[in-house]
Amino acid sequence: MSGGAEKRRHIRIPLIAEIQYFSDSPPLAARISDISSSGLFIDTLNALPIGATVKFRLLLPPEISATPIVGEGVVAWVQPMLGMGLRFTHMGRTDWERITAYVGSVAKAKR
């Protein structure tokens, strides 16, 4: 199953950043290619199955934040051999506000 822009309710912006994530395995390192206030896309050849619960630690670029964002999500969609869309399910309020503020500022600057 693949995700499409037509299903998105939140603004998604490009962002290359490091992420560590795990489900029922040791932590894996990857990168994200975009983010929104509701989720992100993890670039990986070995996507987890749709519905898998994932814990993550997201390292935003230093100009955005020096403090990692920690949370949980669920794999919402998969693009085989490209990656997986992760929908946020649990995150501290401060972390969510940092993501939302960043996404909003980039989206506003692009207008």
Foldseek 3Di string as FASTA:
>chain_A
DADDPVPDPWQKDFFWWWKWKDFPDPIDIFIWGIATLFWTWTFDQDEDDFFTKMWMWICHPVVLPRHIWTAMWTFHGADHRTTTITTTDTGDPVSSVSRNVVSVVVVVVVD
